[in-house]
Amino acid sequence: MIDVENLNVTFKSGNALMHAVRDVSFFVEEGETFGIVGESGSGKSSVLRAIAGLIESTHSKLSINGKPTSARQARENSRLMQMVFQDPYGSLHPRHTVDSILREALIIHSIDNQDKCILKAIADVGLGVEHRYRYPHQLSGGQRQRVAIARALILSPPILLLDEPTSALDVSVQAEILNLLGRLRESYSLTNILVSHDLAVVAHLCSRIAVMQFGRIVEVISAEDLRRGKTKEAYTAELIFASRGFSRVS
């Protein structure tokens, strides 16, 4: 479903160039949830944003569902993949109701039966009709993230890009959102890429995990091997050792 070869991302910092992502290559099978982990600044979120076309990148190959893609195809790409951001407080317009937030994409893509689509999206993420005309400040953090997930799903894309979707939430709410994402993957037949610094989160949802350090993928490991600590690279072993909450989710 997703094939990436030699992905590179650079940012300008003053007069210097910072190489945030270096020659990253991986593939994601249809229906798979693929994880990317690493320390802050390792380049994992930049990989996700480059795939989404939100930042400029260079690559030998970037294909979605077998077709080459680029940032210039943003409208077409939005029907193929949507992104859920880390901060549910900042990713929703504070002056728009839930109805307006969800309706925007339907209007842009001229989709009919908008009310039906909105009600289905709200129900699918576990919210009630009473939330439809509320503003973001009237919702809890978990409810806001459910709205963000509903917004991503309302176009029925086959791919979700998840950028630390639970890190800004309380631990009890994190578990609810993770279980919701697992159910939605099954019901929508989704292919996911999940970026997180939390090994427990990726081990819970992902079948394979790429470990990033200094902009490079140092190892791709199965979730089972990650749980057992069977690693090839010392850096991966250090991440497991340093992840105090690793055993929280299984």
Protein backbone atom coordinates (compact mmCIF):
# COMPACT_ATOMS: atom_id res chain seq x y z
CA MET A 1 0.00 0.00 0.00
CA ILE A 2 2.88 2.38 0.82
CA ASP A 3 6.39 2.12 -0.65
CA VAL A 4 9.11 4.60 0.28
CA GLU A 5 12.68 4.54 -1.05
CA ASN A 6 15.53 6.89 -0.14
CA LEU A 7 13.37 9.57 1.45
CA ASN A 8 15.29 12.70 2.46
CA VAL A 9 14.09 15.83 4.26
CA THR A 10 16.19 18.93 4.90
CA PHE A 11 15.31 22.12 6.77
CA LYS A 12 17.02 25.48 6.64
CA SER A 13 18.32 26.70 9.99
CA GLY A 14 19.80 30.16 9.53
CA ASN A 15 22.43 29.76 6.82
CA ALA A 16 22.83 26.03 7.47
CA LEU A 17 20.85 23.01 6.26
CA MET A 18 19.67 20.43 8.75
CA HIS A 19 19.29 16.92 7.33
CA ALA A 20 16.27 15.68 9.31
CA VAL A 21 15.63 12.46 7.34
CA ARG A 22 18.39 10.52 5.60
CA ASP A 23 17.76 7.87 2.94
CA VAL A 24 14.77 6.28 4.70
CA SER A 25 13.22 3.27 2.96
CA PHE A 26 10.35 1.01 4.04
CA PHE A 27 7.08 -0.50 2.82
CA VAL A 28 3.69 -1.00 4.43
CA GLU A 29 1.41 -3.83 3.40
CA GLU A 30 -2.31 -3.29 2.84
CA GLY A 31 -4.16 -3.57 6.16
CA GLU A 32 -0.96 -3.32 8.22
CA THR A 33 -0.26 -0.89 11.03
CA PHE A 34 3.42 0.04 10.71
CA GLY A 35 5.12 1.83 13.59
CA ILE A 36 7.96 4.35 13.63
CA VAL A 37 9.67 5.04 16.96
CA GLY A 38 12.63 7.04 18.15
CA GLU A 39 13.70 9.86 20.42
CA SER A 40 12.53 13.43 19.92
CA GLY A 41 14.36 14.84 16.91
CA SER A 42 15.01 11.44 15.34
CA GLY A 43 13.01 12.43 12.23
CA LYS A 44 10.00 10.17 12.69
CA SER A 45 7.33 12.89 12.41
CA SER A 46 9.15 14.42 9.44
CA VAL A 47 8.83 11.09 7.61
CA LEU A 48 5.07 11.12 8.20
CA ARG A 49 4.67 14.74 7.07
CA ALA A 50 6.74 14.10 3.95
CA ILE A 51 4.51 11.18 2.98
CA ALA A 52 1.46 13.38 3.56
CA GLY A 53 2.97 16.11 1.35
CA LEU A 54 3.00 18.64 4.20
CA ILE A 55 6.75 19.28 3.88
CA GLU A 56 9.12 19.13 0.94
CA SER A 57 11.21 16.01 0.43
CA THR A 58 13.27 14.17 -2.12
CA HIS A 59 13.04 10.45 -2.79
CA SER A 60 13.76 7.72 -5.30
CA LYS A 61 10.24 6.38 -4.93
CA LEU A 62 7.09 7.30 -3.03
CA SER A 63 4.05 5.34 -4.10
CA ILE A 64 0.61 4.95 -2.56
CA ASN A 65 -1.50 1.95 -3.57
CA GLY A 66 0.99 1.20 -6.36
CA LYS A 67 0.91 4.68 -7.89
CA PRO A 68 3.67 7.32 -7.68
CA THR A 69 2.57 10.35 -5.70
CA SER A 70 3.75 13.88 -5.00
CA ALA A 71 2.73 17.00 -3.08
CA ARG A 72 1.26 18.43 -6.30
CA GLN A 73 -1.44 15.76 -6.12
CA ALA A 74 -2.63 17.01 -2.73
CA ARG A 75 -6.36 16.90 -3.57
CA GLU A 76 -6.18 13.37 -4.94
CA ASN A 77 -3.92 12.26 -2.09
CA SER A 78 -6.40 13.50 0.51
CA ARG A 79 -8.88 10.86 -0.66
CA LEU A 80 -6.19 8.21 -0.21
CA MET A 81 -4.72 9.24 3.13
CA GLN A 82 -5.48 11.50 6.05
CA MET A 83 -3.45 12.50 9.07
CA VAL A 84 -4.31 12.62 12.77
CA PHE A 85 -2.07 15.06 14.62
CA GLN A 86 -0.58 14.89 18.07
CA ASP A 87 -2.32 17.86 19.65
CA PRO A 88 -6.13 17.63 19.75
CA TYR A 89 -6.20 21.14 21.23
CA GLY A 90 -4.38 22.76 18.33
CA SER A 91 -5.59 20.70 15.37
CA LEU A 92 -9.27 21.76 15.59
CA HIS A 93 -10.50 25.25 14.70
CA PRO A 94 -11.63 26.84 18.00
CA ARG A 95 -14.48 28.80 16.37
CA HIS A 96 -15.96 25.90 14.41
CA THR A 97 -18.43 23.39 15.80
CA VAL A 98 -17.88 19.65 15.39
CA ASP A 99 -20.44 19.74 12.58
CA SER A 100 -18.53 22.48 10.72
CA ILE A 101 -15.18 20.73 11.23
CA LEU A 102 -16.49 17.49 9.75
CA ARG A 103 -18.54 19.14 7.01
CA GLU A 104 -15.60 21.10 5.56
CA ALA A 105 -13.98 18.12 3.82
CA LEU A 106 -17.35 16.98 2.45
CA ILE A 107 -17.94 20.40 0.91
CA ILE A 108 -14.45 20.57 -0.61
CA HIS A 109 -14.93 17.17 -2.26
CA SER A 110 -18.58 17.77 -3.23
CA ILE A 111 -19.85 14.73 -1.32
CA ASP A 112 -23.61 14.24 -1.05
CA ASN A 113 -25.64 13.15 2.00
CA GLN A 114 -23.44 15.24 4.24
CA ASP A 115 -25.63 15.01 7.34
CA LYS A 116 -25.66 11.21 7.09
CA CYS A 117 -21.87 11.14 6.71
CA ILE A 118 -21.39 13.42 9.72
CA LEU A 119 -23.67 11.38 11.97
CA LYS A 120 -21.93 8.15 10.94
CA ALA A 121 -18.47 9.62 11.58
CA ILE A 122 -19.52 10.86 15.02
CA ALA A 123 -20.98 7.49 15.94
CA ASP A 124 -17.99 5.55 14.60
CA VAL A 125 -15.61 7.31 17.00
CA GLY A 126 -17.87 6.82 20.00
CA LEU A 127 -19.39 10.29 20.31
CA GLY A 128 -23.09 11.06 20.67
CA VAL A 129 -25.31 13.34 18.61
CA GLU A 130 -25.20 15.81 21.51
CA HIS A 131 -21.56 16.55 20.60
CA ARG A 132 -22.39 17.57 17.02
CA TYR A 133 -22.85 21.30 17.62
CA ARG A 134 -20.33 21.75 20.40
CA TYR A 135 -17.14 23.76 20.06
CA PRO A 136 -13.70 22.27 20.80
CA HIS A 137 -13.43 24.09 24.14
CA GLN A 138 -16.61 22.31 25.24
CA LEU A 139 -14.99 18.89 24.75
CA SER A 140 -12.46 16.92 26.77
CA GLY A 141 -9.04 16.09 25.31
CA GLY A 142 -10.14 12.57 24.45
CA GLN A 143 -13.31 13.83 22.79
CA ARG A 144 -11.33 16.33 20.73
CA GLN A 145 -9.04 13.57 19.50
CA ARG A 146 -12.10 11.49 18.59
CA VAL A 147 -13.32 14.44 16.50
CA ALA A 148 -9.90 14.66 14.83
CA ILE A 149 -10.09 10.94 14.00
CA ALA A 150 -13.65 11.37 12.68
CA ARG A 151 -12.46 14.23 10.46
CA ALA A 152 -9.70 12.00 9.08
CA LEU A 153 -12.13 9.15 8.38
CA ILE A 154 -15.02 11.09 6.89
CA LEU A 155 -13.59 10.83 3.36
CA SER A 156 -13.15 7.05 3.86
CA PRO A 157 -9.43 7.05 3.00
CA PRO A 158 -7.70 3.65 2.97
CA ILE A 159 -4.68 5.09 4.85
CA LEU A 160 -4.36 6.90 8.18
CA LEU A 161 -1.14 8.64 9.21
CA LEU A 162 -1.06 8.87 13.01
CA ASP A 163 1.42 11.33 14.53
CA GLU A 164 1.65 10.61 18.28
CA PRO A 165 -2.16 10.44 18.52
CA THR A 166 -2.24 9.68 22.27
CA SER A 167 0.80 11.48 23.71
CA ALA A 168 -1.16 14.61 24.74
CA LEU A 169 -3.82 12.58 26.58
CA ASP A 170 -4.12 11.15 30.08
CA VAL A 171 -3.08 7.51 30.44
CA SER A 172 -6.66 6.25 30.94
CA VAL A 173 -7.83 8.14 27.84
CA GLN A 174 -4.84 6.87 25.85
CA ALA A 175 -6.07 3.29 26.25
CA GLU A 176 -9.54 4.26 25.00
CA ILE A 177 -8.13 5.95 21.88
CA LEU A 178 -5.79 3.04 21.15
CA ASN A 179 -8.66 0.57 21.39
CA LEU A 180 -10.75 2.84 19.15
CA LEU A 181 -7.97 2.96 16.53
CA GLY A 182 -7.74 -0.83 16.63
CA ARG A 183 -11.49 -1.21 16.04
CA LEU A 184 -11.51 1.37 13.25
CA ARG A 185 -8.64 -0.40 11.47
CA GLU A 186 -10.82 -3.51 11.27
CA SER A 187 -14.12 -1.83 10.39
CA TYR A 188 -12.62 0.54 7.78
CA SER A 189 -9.95 -1.93 6.49
CA LEU A 190 -7.31 0.72 7.15
CA THR A 191 -3.60 0.77 6.52
CA ASN A 192 -1.86 2.84 9.21
CA ILE A 193 1.51 4.38 9.92
CA LEU A 194 1.81 5.19 13.61
CA VAL A 195 4.56 7.48 14.88
CA SER A 196 5.24 7.38 18.62
CA HIS A 197 8.00 7.64 21.20
CA ASP A 198 6.09 5.14 23.37
CA LEU A 199 7.13 1.53 22.73
CA ALA A 200 4.04 0.25 24.56
CA VAL A 201 1.78 2.04 22.11
CA VAL A 202 3.48 0.70 18.98
CA ALA A 203 3.76 -2.82 20.40
CA HIS A 204 0.01 -2.73 21.09
CA LEU A 205 -1.08 -1.66 17.60
CA CYS A 206 1.72 -2.43 15.15
CA SER A 207 2.97 -5.61 13.52
CA ARG A 208 6.34 -4.15 12.48
CA ILE A 209 8.25 -1.19 13.86
CA ALA A 210 10.99 0.96 12.34
CA VAL A 211 13.45 2.38 14.87
CA MET A 212 14.91 5.78 13.93
CA GLN A 213 18.03 7.55 15.15
CA PHE A 214 19.56 10.74 13.75
CA GLY A 215 17.22 10.72 10.75
CA ARG A 216 17.93 7.13 9.71
CA ILE A 217 16.14 3.82 10.20
CA VAL A 218 18.57 1.67 12.17
CA GLU A 219 16.33 -1.41 12.43
CA VAL A 220 12.92 -2.77 11.44
CA ILE A 221 11.70 -5.21 14.08
CA SER A 222 8.52 -7.23 14.66
CA ALA A 223 6.29 -6.32 17.60
CA GLU A 224 6.87 -9.79 19.06
CA ASP A 225 10.65 -9.40 18.95
CA LEU A 226 10.30 -5.93 20.47
CA ARG A 227 8.33 -7.36 23.40
CA ARG A 228 10.94 -10.05 23.93
CA GLY A 229 13.85 -7.65 23.59
CA LYS A 230 15.26 -9.54 20.60
CA THR A 231 17.04 -6.69 18.84
CA LYS A 232 19.91 -6.47 16.40
CA GLU A 233 20.96 -2.91 17.21
CA ALA A 234 22.24 -1.61 20.54
CA TYR A 235 20.19 1.58 20.15
CA THR A 236 16.93 -0.41 20.01
CA ALA A 237 17.92 -2.27 23.17
CA GLU A 238 18.64 1.08 24.85
CA LEU A 239 15.21 2.38 23.86
CA ILE A 240 13.53 -0.67 25.37
CA PHE A 241 15.55 -0.30 28.57
CA ALA A 242 14.72 3.40 28.81
CA SER A 243 11.01 2.96 28.15
CA ARG A 244 9.63 2.67 31.66
CA GLY A 245 6.02 2.31 30.51
CA PHE A 246 6.78 -0.38 27.94
CA SER A 247 4.88 -3.16 29.76
CA ARG A 248 1.80 -1.03 30.38
CA VAL A 249 0.05 -2.07 27.14
CA SER A 250 0.18 -5.63 25.84
